[in-house]
PDB file of N, CA and C in Angstrom:
ATOM      1  N   UNK A   1       0.858  -1.179   0.000  1.00  0.00           N
ATOM      2  CA  UNK A   1       0.000   0.000   0.000  1.00  0.00           C
ATOM      3  C   UNK A   1       0.900   1.236   0.000  1.00  0.00           C
ATOM      4  N   UNK A   2       0.560   2.195  -0.810  1.00  0.00           N
ATOM      5  CA  UNK A   2       1.362   3.406  -0.926  1.00  0.00           C
ATOM      6  C   UNK A   2       0.910   4.462   0.071  1.00  0.00           C
ATOM      7  N   UNK A   3       1.829   5.325   0.443  1.00  0.00           N
ATOM      8  CA  UNK A   3       1.509   6.412   1.349  1.00  0.00           C
ATOM      9  C   UNK A   3       0.508   7.365   0.700  1.00  0.00           C
ATOM     10  N   UNK A   4       0.462   7.404  -0.624  1.00  0.00           N
ATOM     11  CA  UNK A   4      -0.470   8.278  -1.326  1.00  0.00           C
ATOM     12  C   UNK A   4      -1.919   7.973  -0.956  1.00  0.00           C
ATOM     13  N   UNK A   5      -2.212   6.751  -0.533  1.00  0.00           N
ATOM     14  CA  UNK A   5      -3.576   6.373  -0.161  1.00  0.00           C
ATOM     15  C   UNK A   5      -3.783   6.442   1.354  1.00  0.00           C
ATOM     16  N   UNK A   6      -3.020   7.261   2.020  1.00  0.00           N
ATOM     17  CA  UNK A   6      -3.019   7.340   3.477  1.00  0.00           C
ATOM     18  C   UNK A   6      -4.397   7.670   4.053  1.00  0.00           C
ATOM     19  N   UNK A   7      -5.219   8.419   3.342  1.00  0.00           N
ATOM     20  CA  UNK A   7      -6.537   8.770   3.861  1.00  0.00           C
ATOM     21  C   UNK A   7      -7.406   7.542   4.117  1.00  0.00           C
ATOM     22  N   UNK A   8      -7.156   6.476   3.383  1.00  0.00           N
ATOM     23  CA  UNK A   8      -7.901   5.238   3.584  1.00  0.00           C
ATOM     24  C   UNK A   8      -7.555   4.569   4.914  1.00  0.00           C
ATOM     25  N   UNK A   9      -6.517   5.035   5.566  1.00  0.00           N
ATOM     26  CA  UNK A   9      -6.035   4.412   6.802  1.00  0.00           C
ATOM     27  C   UNK A   9      -6.540   5.110   8.050  1.00  0.00           C
ATOM     28  N   UNK A  10      -7.478   6.049   7.913  1.00  0.00           N
ATOM     29  CA  UNK A  10      -8.050   6.703   9.097  1.00  0.00           C
ATOM     30  C   UNK A  10      -8.587   5.641  10.055  1.00  0.00           C
ATOM     31  N   UNK A  11      -8.299   5.840  11.341  1.00  0.00           N
ATOM     32  CA  UNK A  11      -8.745   4.900  12.367  1.00  0.00           C
ATOM     33  C   UNK A  11      -7.762   3.795  12.671  1.00  0.00           C
ATOM     34  N   UNK A  12      -6.735   3.648  11.835  1.00  0.00           N
ATOM     35  CA  UNK A  12      -5.731   2.605  12.077  1.00  0.00           C
ATOM     36  C   UNK A  12      -4.673   3.098  13.070  1.00  0.00           C
ATOM     37  N   UNK A  13      -3.950   2.173  13.668  1.00  0.00           N
ATOM     38  CA  UNK A  13      -2.894   2.511  14.616  1.00  0.00           C
ATOM     39  C   UNK A  13      -1.737   3.204  13.906  1.00  0.00           C
ATOM     40  N   UNK A  14      -1.138   4.154  14.613  1.00  0.00           N
ATOM     41  CA  UNK A  14       0.115   4.783  14.190  1.00  0.00           C
ATOM     42  C   UNK A  14       1.153   4.339  15.205  1.00  0.00           C
ATOM     43  N   UNK A  15       2.250   3.774  14.709  1.00  0.00           N
ATOM     44  CA  UNK A  15       3.292   3.255  15.589  1.00  0.00           C
ATOM     45  C   UNK A  15       4.633   3.897  15.258  1.00  0.00           C
ATOM     46  N   UNK A  16       5.545   3.847  16.231  1.00  0.00           N
ATOM     47  CA  UNK A  16       6.886   4.405  16.022  1.00  0.00           C
ATOM     48  C   UNK A  16       7.786   3.340  15.386  1.00  0.00           C
ATOM     49  N   UNK A  17       9.065   3.656  15.130  1.00  0.00           N
ATOM     50  CA  UNK A  17       9.963   2.692  14.475  1.00  0.00           C
ATOM     51  C   UNK A  17      10.119   1.366  15.226  1.00  0.00           C
ATOM     52  N   UNK A  18       9.904   1.386  16.556  1.00  0.00           N
ATOM     53  CA  UNK A  18      10.015   0.165  17.352  1.00  0.00           C
ATOM     54  C   UNK A  18       8.688  -0.575  17.472  1.00  0.00           C
ATOM     55  N   UNK A  19       7.642  -0.058  16.821  1.00  0.00           N
ATOM     56  CA  UNK A  19       6.337  -0.696  16.882  1.00  0.00           C
ATOM     57  C   UNK A  19       5.485  -0.269  18.053  1.00  0.00           C
ATOM     58  N   UNK A  20       5.960   0.705  18.843  1.00  0.00           N
ATOM     59  CA  UNK A  20       5.189   1.184  19.989  1.00  0.00           C
ATOM     60  C   UNK A  20       4.056   2.080  19.496  1.00  0.00           C
ATOM     61  N   UNK A  21       2.849   1.807  19.975  1.00  0.00           N
ATOM     62  CA  UNK A  21       1.679   2.554  19.528  1.00  0.00           C
ATOM     63  C   UNK A  21       1.721   3.993  20.005  1.00  0.00           C
ATOM     64  N   UNK A  22       1.516   4.911  19.058  1.00  0.00           N
ATOM     65  CA  UNK A  22       1.430   6.344  19.353  1.00  0.00           C
ATOM     66  C   UNK A  22      -0.029   6.742  19.518  1.00  0.00           C
ATOM     67  N   UNK A  23      -0.891   6.230  18.660  1.00  0.00           N
ATOM     68  CA  UNK A  23      -2.314   6.558  18.699  1.00  0.00           C
ATOM     69  C   UNK A  23      -2.998   6.074  17.440  1.00  0.00           C
ATOM     70  N   UNK A  24      -4.131   6.701  17.117  1.00  0.00           N
ATOM     71  CA  UNK A  24      -4.915   6.338  15.931  1.00  0.00           C
ATOM     72  C   UNK A  24      -4.870   7.480  14.921  1.00  0.00           C
ATOM     73  N   UNK A  25      -4.786   7.133  13.639  1.00  0.00           N
ATOM     74  CA  UNK A  25      -4.771   8.128  12.578  1.00  0.00           C
ATOM     75  C   UNK A  25      -6.149   8.758  12.451  1.00  0.00           C
ATOM     76  N   UNK A  26      -6.211  10.067  12.659  1.00  0.00           N
ATOM     77  CA  UNK A  26      -7.466  10.800  12.561  1.00  0.00           C
ATOM     78  C   UNK A  26      -7.604  11.504  11.218  1.00  0.00           C
ATOM     79  N   UNK A  27      -6.525  12.120  10.768  1.00  0.00           N
ATOM     80  CA  UNK A  27      -6.583  12.880   9.526  1.00  0.00           C
ATOM     81  C   UNK A  27      -5.177  13.108   9.005  1.00  0.00           C
ATOM     82  N   UNK A  28      -5.091  13.750   7.847  1.00  0.00           N
ATOM     83  CA  UNK A  28      -3.808  13.992   7.204  1.00  0.00           C
ATOM     84  C   UNK A  28      -3.782  15.429   6.683  1.00  0.00           C
ATOM     85  N   UNK A  29      -2.654  16.085   6.860  1.00  0.00           N
ATOM     86  CA  UNK A  29      -2.428  17.412   6.286  1.00  0.00           C
ATOM     87  C   UNK A  29      -1.468  17.259   5.117  1.00  0.00           C
ATOM     88  N   UNK A  30      -1.806  17.909   4.014  1.00  0.00           N
ATOM     89  CA  UNK A  30      -1.054  17.813   2.769  1.00  0.00           C
ATOM     90  C   UNK A  30      -0.364  19.120   2.442  1.00  0.00           C
ATOM     91  N   UNK A  31       0.723  19.045   1.671  1.00  0.00           N
ATOM     92  CA  UNK A  31       1.400  20.218   1.160  1.00  0.00           C
ATOM     93  C   UNK A  31       0.474  20.882   0.142  1.00  0.00           C
ATOM     94  N   UNK A  32       0.228  22.175   0.311  1.00  0.00           N
ATOM     95  CA  UNK A  32      -0.707  22.891  -0.549  1.00  0.00           C
ATOM     96  C   UNK A  32      -0.244  22.934  -1.999  1.00  0.00           C
ATOM     97  N   UNK A  33       1.052  22.908  -2.234  1.00  0.00           N
ATOM     98  CA  UNK A  33       1.578  23.014  -3.597  1.00  0.00           C
ATOM     99  C   UNK A  33       1.670  21.659  -4.294  1.00  0.00           C
ATOM    100  N   UNK A  34       2.166  20.648  -3.585  1.00  0.00           N
ATOM    101  CA  UNK A  34       2.417  19.346  -4.226  1.00  0.00           C
ATOM    102  C   UNK A  34       1.335  18.303  -3.975  1.00  0.00           C
ATOM    103  N   UNK A  35       0.466  18.555  -2.996  1.00  0.00           N
ATOM    104  CA  UNK A  35      -0.578  17.623  -2.586  1.00  0.00           C
ATOM    105  C   UNK A  35      -0.005  16.332  -2.003  1.00  0.00           C
ATOM    106  N   UNK A  36       1.232  16.390  -1.534  1.00  0.00           N
ATOM    107  CA  UNK A  36       1.855  15.242  -0.869  1.00  0.00           C
ATOM    108  C   UNK A  36       1.495  15.257   0.614  1.00  0.00           C
ATOM    109  N   UNK A  37       1.265  14.090   1.228  1.00  0.00           N
ATOM    110  CA  UNK A  37       0.987  14.058   2.665  1.00  0.00           C
ATOM    111  C   UNK A  37       2.220  14.494   3.458  1.00  0.00           C
ATOM    112  N   UNK A  38       2.030  15.401   4.419  1.00  0.00           N
ATOM    113  CA  UNK A  38       3.143  15.937   5.201  1.00  0.00           C
ATOM    114  C   UNK A  38       3.040  15.532   6.666  1.00  0.00           C
ATOM    115  N   UNK A  39       1.862  15.701   7.271  1.00  0.00           N
ATOM    116  CA  UNK A  39       1.670  15.380   8.686  1.00  0.00           C
ATOM    117  C   UNK A  39       0.444  14.504   8.877  1.00  0.00           C
ATOM    118  N   UNK A  40       0.581  13.517   9.750  1.00  0.00           N
ATOM    119  CA  UNK A  40      -0.566  12.749  10.226  1.00  0.00           C
ATOM    120  C   UNK A  40      -1.082  13.443  11.473  1.00  0.00           C
ATOM    121  N   UNK A  41      -2.369  13.495  11.623  1.00  0.00           N
ATOM    122  CA  UNK A  41      -2.995  13.993  12.839  1.00  0.00           C
ATOM    123  C   UNK A  41      -3.437  12.754  13.607  1.00  0.00           C
ATOM    124  N   UNK A  42      -2.845  12.540  14.784  1.00  0.00           N
ATOM    125  CA  UNK A  42      -3.005  11.291  15.521  1.00  0.00           C
ATOM    126  C   UNK A  42      -3.685  11.553  16.857  1.00  0.00           C
ATOM    127  N   UNK A  43      -4.745  10.799  17.142  1.00  0.00           N
ATOM    128  CA  UNK A  43      -5.403  10.927  18.448  1.00  0.00           C
ATOM    129  C   UNK A  43      -4.567  10.169  19.468  1.00  0.00           C
ATOM    130  N   UNK A  44      -4.277  10.855  20.561  1.00  0.00           N
ATOM    131  CA  UNK A  44      -3.446  10.283  21.618  1.00  0.00           C
ATOM    132  C   UNK A  44      -4.127  10.502  22.961  1.00  0.00           C
ATOM    133  N   UNK A  45      -3.583   9.935  23.971  1.00  0.00           N
ATOM    134  CA  UNK A  45      -4.130  10.115  25.312  1.00  0.00           C
ATOM    135  C   UNK A  45      -5.224   9.103  25.613  1.00  0.00           C
ATOM    136  N   UNK A  46      -5.654   9.109  26.850  1.00  0.00           N
ATOM    137  CA  UNK A  46      -6.628   8.126  27.323  1.00  0.00           C
ATOM    138  C   UNK A  46      -7.965   8.212  26.586  1.00  0.00           C
ATOM    139  N   UNK A  47      -8.460   9.408  26.359  1.00  0.00           N
ATOM    140  CA  UNK A  47      -9.758   9.564  25.717  1.00  0.00           C
ATOM    141  C   UNK A  47      -9.645   9.915  24.241  1.00  0.00           C
ATOM    142  N   UNK A  48      -8.429  10.077  23.743  1.00  0.00           N
ATOM    143  CA  UNK A  48      -8.228  10.394  22.342  1.00  0.00           C
ATOM    144  C   UNK A  48      -8.653  11.792  21.955  1.00  0.00           C
ATOM    145  N   UNK A  49      -8.807  12.681  22.940  1.00  0.00           N
ATOM    146  CA  UNK A  49      -9.242  14.052  22.657  1.00  0.00           C
ATOM    147  C   UNK A  49      -8.086  14.948  22.246  1.00  0.00           C
ATOM    148  N   UNK A  50      -6.874  14.534  22.553  1.00  0.00           N
ATOM    149  CA  UNK A  50      -5.707  15.308  22.153  1.00  0.00           C
ATOM    150  C   UNK A  50      -5.228  14.800  20.805  1.00  0.00           C
ATOM    151  N   UNK A  51      -4.962  15.739  19.900  1.00  0.00           N
ATOM    152  CA  UNK A  51      -4.486  15.382  18.579  1.00  0.00           C
ATOM    153  C   UNK A  51      -3.064  15.889  18.421  1.00  0.00           C
ATOM    154  N   UNK A  52      -2.189  14.995  18.004  1.00  0.00           N
ATOM    155  CA  UNK A  52      -0.770  15.283  17.856  1.00  0.00           C
ATOM    156  C   UNK A  52      -0.386  15.150  16.392  1.00  0.00           C
ATOM    157  N   UNK A  53       0.492  16.023  15.948  1.00  0.00           N
ATOM    158  CA  UNK A  53       0.964  15.996  14.568  1.00  0.00           C
ATOM    159  C   UNK A  53       2.254  15.195  14.489  1.00  0.00           C
ATOM    160  N   UNK A  54       2.320  14.314  13.483  1.00  0.00           N
ATOM    161  CA  UNK A  54       3.499  13.481  13.275  1.00  0.00           C
ATOM    162  C   UNK A  54       3.880  13.571  11.794  1.00  0.00           C
ATOM    163  N   UNK A  55       5.147  13.902  11.490  1.00  0.00           N
ATOM    164  CA  UNK A  55       5.562  13.953  10.087  1.00  0.00           C
ATOM    165  C   UNK A  55       5.407  12.599   9.403  1.00  0.00           C
ATOM    166  N   UNK A  56       5.012  12.640   8.143  1.00  0.00           N
ATOM    167  CA  UNK A  56       4.830  11.405   7.377  1.00  0.00           C
ATOM    168  C   UNK A  56       6.012  11.071   6.476  1.00  0.00           C
ATOM    169  N   UNK A  57       7.028  11.933   6.426  1.00  0.00           N
ATOM    170  CA  UNK A  57       8.220  11.618   5.621  1.00  0.00           C
ATOM    171  C   UNK A  57       8.834  10.321   6.145  1.00  0.00           C
ATOM    172  N   UNK A  58       9.029   9.369   5.274  1.00  0.00           N
ATOM    173  CA  UNK A  58       9.610   8.090   5.656  1.00  0.00           C
ATOM    174  C   UNK A  58       8.622   7.103   6.252  1.00  0.00           C
ATOM    175  N   UNK A  59       7.344   7.482   6.349  1.00  0.00           N
ATOM    176  CA  UNK A  59       6.345   6.581   6.928  1.00  0.00           C
ATOM    177  C   UNK A  59       6.052   5.426   5.972  1.00  0.00           C
ATOM    178  N   UNK A  60       5.609   4.322   6.572  1.00  0.00           N
ATOM    179  CA  UNK A  60       5.243   3.143   5.809  1.00  0.00           C
ATOM    180  C   UNK A  60       3.893   2.645   6.300  1.00  0.00           C
ATOM    181  N   UNK A  61       3.093   2.176   5.372  1.00  0.00           N
ATOM    182  CA  UNK A  61       1.824   1.572   5.763  1.00  0.00           C
ATOM    183  C   UNK A  61       1.979   0.068   5.670  1.00  0.00           C
ATOM    184  N   UNK A  62       1.414  -0.613   6.643  1.00  0.00           N
ATOM    185  CA  UNK A  62       1.536  -2.060   6.688  1.00  0.00           C
ATOM    186  C   UNK A  62       0.234  -2.669   7.146  1.00  0.00           C
ATOM    187  N   UNK A  63       0.303  -3.833   7.692  1.00  0.00           N
ATOM    188  CA  UNK A  63      -0.896  -4.526   8.134  1.00  0.00           C
ATOM    189  C   UNK A  63      -1.560  -3.775   9.280  1.00  0.00           C
ATOM    190  N   UNK A  64      -2.623  -3.073   8.955  1.00  0.00           N
ATOM    191  CA  UNK A  64      -3.462  -2.379   9.937  1.00  0.00           C
ATOM    192  C   UNK A  64      -2.710  -1.360  10.783  1.00  0.00           C
ATOM    193  N   UNK A  65      -1.647  -0.766  10.214  1.00  0.00           N
ATOM    194  CA  UNK A  65      -0.933   0.275  10.948  1.00  0.00           C
ATOM    195  C   UNK A  65      -0.135   1.152  10.002  1.00  0.00           C
ATOM    196  N   UNK A  66       0.166   2.335  10.492  1.00  0.00           N
ATOM    197  CA  UNK A  66       1.054   3.258   9.797  1.00  0.00           C
ATOM    198  C   UNK A  66       2.266   3.426  10.701  1.00  0.00           C
ATOM    199  N   UNK A  67       3.447   3.131  10.178  1.00  0.00           N
ATOM    200  CA  UNK A  67       4.671   3.263  10.968  1.00  0.00           C
ATOM    201  C   UNK A  67       5.382   4.540  10.546  1.00  0.00           C
ATOM    202  N   UNK A  68       5.639   5.409  11.523  1.00  0.00           N
ATOM    203  CA  UNK A  68       6.317   6.676  11.262  1.00  0.00           C
ATOM    204  C   UNK A  68       7.768   6.590  11.708  1.00  0.00           C
ATOM    205  N   UNK A  69       8.571   7.552  11.271  1.00  0.00           N
ATOM    206  CA  UNK A  69      10.010   7.548  11.570  1.00  0.00           C
ATOM    207  C   UNK A  69      10.381   8.265  12.864  1.00  0.00           C
ATOM    208  N   UNK A  70       9.405   8.632  13.681  1.00  0.00           N
ATOM    209  CA  UNK A  70       9.689   9.373  14.910  1.00  0.00           C
ATOM    210  C   UNK A  70       9.307   8.545  16.127  1.00  0.00           C
ATOM    211  N   UNK A  71      10.178   8.538  17.123  1.00  0.00           N
ATOM    212  CA  UNK A  71       9.940   7.778  18.352  1.00  0.00           C
ATOM    213  C   UNK A  71       8.758   8.346  19.124  1.00  0.00           C
ATOM    214  N   UNK A  72       8.049   7.471  19.805  1.00  0.00           N
ATOM    215  CA  UNK A  72       6.890   7.878  20.591  1.00  0.00           C
ATOM    216  C   UNK A  72       7.238   8.988  21.575  1.00  0.00           C
ATOM    217  N   UNK A  73       8.400   8.905  22.221  1.00  0.00           N
ATOM    218  CA  UNK A  73       8.818   9.934  23.179  1.00  0.00           C
ATOM    219  C   UNK A  73       8.861  11.313  22.527  1.00  0.00           C
ATOM    220  N   UNK A  74       9.395  11.383  21.322  1.00  0.00           N
ATOM    221  CA  UNK A  74       9.499  12.652  20.596  1.00  0.00           C
ATOM    222  C   UNK A  74       8.108  13.174  20.230  1.00  0.00           C
ATOM    223  N   UNK A  75       7.252  12.281  19.767  1.00  0.00           N
ATOM    224  CA  UNK A  75       5.892  12.658  19.380  1.00  0.00           C
ATOM    225  C   UNK A  75       5.104  13.134  20.596  1.00  0.00           C
ATOM    226  N   UNK A  76       5.322  12.504  21.743  1.00  0.00           N
ATOM    227  CA  UNK A  76       4.607  12.886  22.972  1.00  0.00           C
ATOM    228  C   UNK A  76       4.864  14.335  23.363  1.00  0.00           C
ATOM    229  N   UNK A  77       5.990  14.890  22.973  1.00  0.00           N
ATOM    230  CA  UNK A  77       6.351  16.265  23.328  1.00  0.00           C
ATOM    231  C   UNK A  77       5.984  17.270  22.236  1.00  0.00           C
ATOM    232  N   UNK A  78       5.427  16.804  21.129  1.00  0.00           N
ATOM    233  CA  UNK A  78       5.113  17.667  19.987  1.00  0.00           C
ATOM    234  C   UNK A  78       3.911  18.556  20.289  1.00  0.00           C
ATOM    235  N   UNK A  79       3.796  19.663  19.567  1.00  0.00           N
ATOM    236  CA  UNK A  79       2.613  20.520  19.715  1.00  0.00           C
ATOM    237  C   UNK A  79       1.336  19.733  19.409  1.00  0.00           C
ATOM    238  N   UNK A  80       0.259  20.068  20.118  1.00  0.00           N
ATOM    239  CA  UNK A  80      -1.011  19.370  19.969  1.00  0.00           C
ATOM    240  C   UNK A  80      -2.150  20.363  19.749  1.00  0.00           C
ATOM    241  N   UNK A  81      -3.300  19.830  19.362  1.00  0.00           N
ATOM    242  CA  UNK A  81      -4.537  20.603  19.288  1.00  0.00           C
ATOM    243  C   UNK A  81      -5.637  19.770  19.932  1.00  0.00           C
ATOM    244  N   UNK A  82      -6.708  20.440  20.313  1.00  0.00           N
ATOM    245  CA  UNK A  82      -7.884  19.736  20.808  1.00  0.00           C
ATOM    246  C   UNK A  82      -8.669  19.217  19.603  1.00  0.00           C
ATOM    247  N   UNK A  83      -9.541  18.259  19.832  1.00  0.00           N
ATOM    248  CA  UNK A  83     -10.261  17.608  18.745  1.00  0.00           C
ATOM    249  C   UNK A  83     -11.051  18.583  17.873  1.00  0.00           C
ATOM    250  N   UNK A  84     -11.559  19.661  18.441  1.00  0.00           N
ATOM    251  CA  UNK A  84     -12.367  20.607  17.673  1.00  0.00           C
ATOM    252  C   UNK A  84     -11.594  21.862  17.255  1.00  0.00           C
ATOM    253  N   UNK A  85     -10.293  21.845  17.415  1.00  0.00           N
ATOM    254  CA  UNK A  85      -9.443  23.000  17.124  1.00  0.00           C
ATOM    255  C   UNK A  85      -8.808  22.864  15.739  1.00  0.00           C
ATOM    256  N   UNK A  86      -8.682  23.988  15.050  1.00  0.00           N
ATOM    257  CA  UNK A  86      -8.043  24.008  13.735  1.00  0.00           C
ATOM    258  C   UNK A  86      -6.553  24.316  13.867  1.00  0.00           C
ATOM    259  N   UNK A  87      -5.795  23.963  12.856  1.00  0.00           N
ATOM    260  CA  UNK A  87      -4.366  24.252  12.809  1.00  0.00           C
ATOM    261  C   UNK A  87      -4.172  25.717  12.433  1.00  0.00           C
ATOM    262  N   UNK A  88      -3.590  26.487  13.327  1.00  0.00           N
ATOM    263  CA  UNK A  88      -3.336  27.905  13.063  1.00  0.00           C
ATOM    264  C   UNK A  88      -2.009  28.063  12.327  1.00  0.00           C
ATOM    265  N   UNK A  89      -1.805  29.197  11.651  1.00  0.00           N
ATOM    266  CA  UNK A  89      -0.504  29.432  11.005  1.00  0.00           C
ATOM    267  C   UNK A  89       0.655  29.397  12.011  1.00  0.00           C
ATOM    268  N   UNK A  90       0.415  29.866  13.226  1.00  0.00           N
ATOM    269  CA  UNK A  90       1.452  29.863  14.259  1.00  0.00           C
ATOM    270  C   UNK A  90       1.820  28.445  14.669  1.00  0.00           C
ATOM    271  N   UNK A  91       0.804  27.604  14.855  1.00  0.00           N
ATOM    272  CA  UNK A  91       1.061  26.215  15.232  1.00  0.00           C
ATOM    273  C   UNK A  91       1.743  25.467  14.095  1.00  0.00           C
ATOM    274  N   UNK A  92       1.350  25.767  12.872  1.00  0.00           N
ATOM    275  CA  UNK A  92       2.000  25.149  11.720  1.00  0.00           C
ATOM    276  C   UNK A  92       3.500  25.448  11.733  1.00  0.00           C
ATOM    277  N   UNK A  93       3.862  26.697  11.983  1.00  0.00           N
ATOM    278  CA  UNK A  93       5.275  27.080  12.045  1.00  0.00           C
ATOM    279  C   UNK A  93       5.980  26.361  13.198  1.00  0.00           C
ATOM    280  N   UNK A  94       5.299  26.233  14.338  1.00  0.00           N
ATOM    281  CA  UNK A  94       5.880  25.521  15.488  1.00  0.00           C
ATOM    282  C   UNK A  94       6.167  24.064  15.144  1.00  0.00           C
ATOM    283  N   UNK A  95       5.264  23.437  14.409  1.00  0.00           N
ATOM    284  CA  UNK A  95       5.453  22.033  14.030  1.00  0.00           C
ATOM    285  C   UNK A  95       6.688  21.840  13.173  1.00  0.00           C
ATOM    286  N   UNK A  96       6.835  22.691  12.163  1.00  0.00           N
ATOM    287  CA  UNK A  96       8.010  22.579  11.304  1.00  0.00           C
ATOM    288  C   UNK A  96       9.284  22.809  12.113  1.00  0.00           C
ATOM    289  N   UNK A  97       9.248  23.756  13.032  1.00  0.00           N
ATOM    290  CA  UNK A  97      10.414  24.036  13.872  1.00  0.00           C
ATOM    291  C   UNK A  97      10.687  22.858  14.821  1.00  0.00           C
ATOM    292  N   UNK A  98       9.657  22.346  15.484  1.00  0.00           N
ATOM    293  CA  UNK A  98       9.824  21.260  16.446  1.00  0.00           C
ATOM    294  C   UNK A  98      10.452  20.021  15.801  1.00  0.00           C
ATOM    295  N   UNK A  99       9.965  19.659  14.631  1.00  0.00           N
ATOM    296  CA  UNK A  99      10.474  18.471  13.955  1.00  0.00           C
ATOM    297  C   UNK A  99      11.668  18.765  13.046  1.00  0.00           C
ATOM    298  N   UNK A 100      12.151  20.003  13.091  1.00  0.00           N
ATOM    299  CA  UNK A 100      13.318  20.438  12.312  1.00  0.00           C
ATOM    300  C   UNK A 100      13.130  20.156  10.822  1.00  0.00           C
ATOM    301  N   UNK A 101      11.972  20.556  10.314  1.00  0.00           N
ATOM    302  CA  UNK A 101      11.634  20.389   8.907  1.00  0.00           C
ATOM    303  C   UNK A 101      11.694  21.739   8.202  1.00  0.00           C
ATOM    304  N   UNK A 102      12.004  21.714   6.928  1.00  0.00           N
ATOM    305  CA  UNK A 102      12.039  22.931   6.130  1.00  0.00           C
ATOM    306  C   UNK A 102      10.606  23.303   5.773  1.00  0.00           C
ATOM    307  N   UNK A 103      10.162  24.446   6.220  1.00  0.00           N
ATOM    308  CA  UNK A 103       8.797  24.875   5.936  1.00  0.00           C
ATOM    309  C   UNK A 103       8.659  25.379   4.508  1.00  0.00           C
ATOM    310  N   UNK A 104       9.772  25.737   3.888  1.00  0.00           N
ATOM    311  CA  UNK A 104       9.713  26.229   2.521  1.00  0.00           C
ATOM    312  C   UNK A 104       9.001  27.561   2.456  1.00  0.00           C
ATOM    313  N   UNK A 105       8.691  27.976   1.273  1.00  0.00           N
ATOM    314  CA  UNK A 105       7.984  29.241   1.125  1.00  0.00           C
ATOM    315  C   UNK A 105       6.492  29.009   1.274  1.00  0.00           C
ATOM    316  N   UNK A 106       5.810  30.024   1.720  1.00  0.00           N
ATOM    317  CA  UNK A 106       4.368  29.927   1.901  1.00  0.00           C
ATOM    318  C   UNK A 106       3.686  29.696   0.555  1.00  0.00           C
ATOM    319  N   UNK A 107       2.736  28.784   0.528  1.00  0.00           N
ATOM    320  CA  UNK A 107       2.065  28.423  -0.717  1.00  0.00           C
ATOM    321  C   UNK A 107       0.658  29.008  -0.822  1.00  0.00           C
ATOM    322  N   UNK A 108       0.052  29.363   0.281  1.00  0.00           N
ATOM    323  CA  UNK A 108      -1.307  29.895   0.280  1.00  0.00           C
ATOM    324  C   UNK A 108      -1.283  31.382   0.624  1.00  0.00           C
ATOM    325  N   UNK A 109      -2.290  32.145   0.211  1.00  0.00           N
ATOM    326  CA  UNK A 109      -2.346  33.565   0.547  1.00  0.00           C
ATOM    327  C   UNK A 109      -2.273  33.820   2.055  1.00  0.00           C
ATOM    328  N   UNK A 110      -2.736  32.863   2.847  1.00  0.00           N
ATOM    329  CA  UNK A 110      -2.709  32.998   4.305  1.00  0.00           C
ATOM    330  C   UNK A 110      -1.306  32.818   4.871  1.00  0.00           C
ATOM    331  N   UNK A 111      -0.328  32.426   4.014  1.00  0.00           N
ATOM    332  CA  UNK A 111       1.016  32.161   4.502  1.00  0.00           C
ATOM    333  C   UNK A 111       1.189  30.741   4.987  1.00  0.00           C
ATOM    334  N   UNK A 112       0.181  29.908   4.795  1.00  0.00           N
ATOM    335  CA  UNK A 112       0.221  28.527   5.252  1.00  0.00           C
ATOM    336  C   UNK A 112       0.736  27.615   4.159  1.00  0.00           C
ATOM    337  N   UNK A 113       1.241  26.496   4.572  1.00  0.00           N
ATOM    338  CA  UNK A 113       1.714  25.493   3.620  1.00  0.00           C
ATOM    339  C   UNK A 113       0.830  24.257   3.624  1.00  0.00           C
ATOM    340  N   UNK A 114       0.163  23.984   4.746  1.00  0.00           N
ATOM    341  CA  UNK A 114      -0.571  22.747   4.899  1.00  0.00           C
ATOM    342  C   UNK A 114      -2.072  22.927   4.685  1.00  0.00           C
ATOM    343  N   UNK A 115      -2.677  21.917   4.054  1.00  0.00           N
ATOM    344  CA  UNK A 115      -4.126  21.881   3.868  1.00  0.00           C
ATOM    345  C   UNK A 115      -4.630  20.513   4.273  1.00  0.00           C
ATOM    346  N   UNK A 116      -5.879  20.477   4.670  1.00  0.00           N
ATOM    347  CA  UNK A 116      -6.524  19.237   5.089  1.00  0.00           C
ATOM    348  C   UNK A 116      -7.525  18.843   4.013  1.00  0.00           C
ATOM    349  N   UNK A 117      -7.556  17.585   3.629  1.00  0.00           N
ATOM    350  CA  UNK A 117      -8.518  17.128   2.601  1.00  0.00           C
ATOM    351  C   UNK A 117      -9.743  16.560   3.263  1.00  0.00           C
TER     352      UNK A 117
END
């Protein structure tokens, strides 16, 4: 299964490189210019109300799970949103900084790079 079909994996487990469960895939944010998946939005915590962003670069889909290249410990410290909260331009910038990713130039008039399908 290709990462391009990642939206079909909503509700599946997201695990780290060691197979430790991070949470469940809730949604995906795509690059506004290339339409490539950039971040998984993963429900974490006891009630799944906290949503954490995890980069999808290097991720692999397998039997009933998506394996990402970031350790659970690192993801646990990443910026989060509440289930009913939208990704702000400020939080988007924090995510790229936290994961040491190149944000590139802004692709949307709002200055944002990420879009949700």
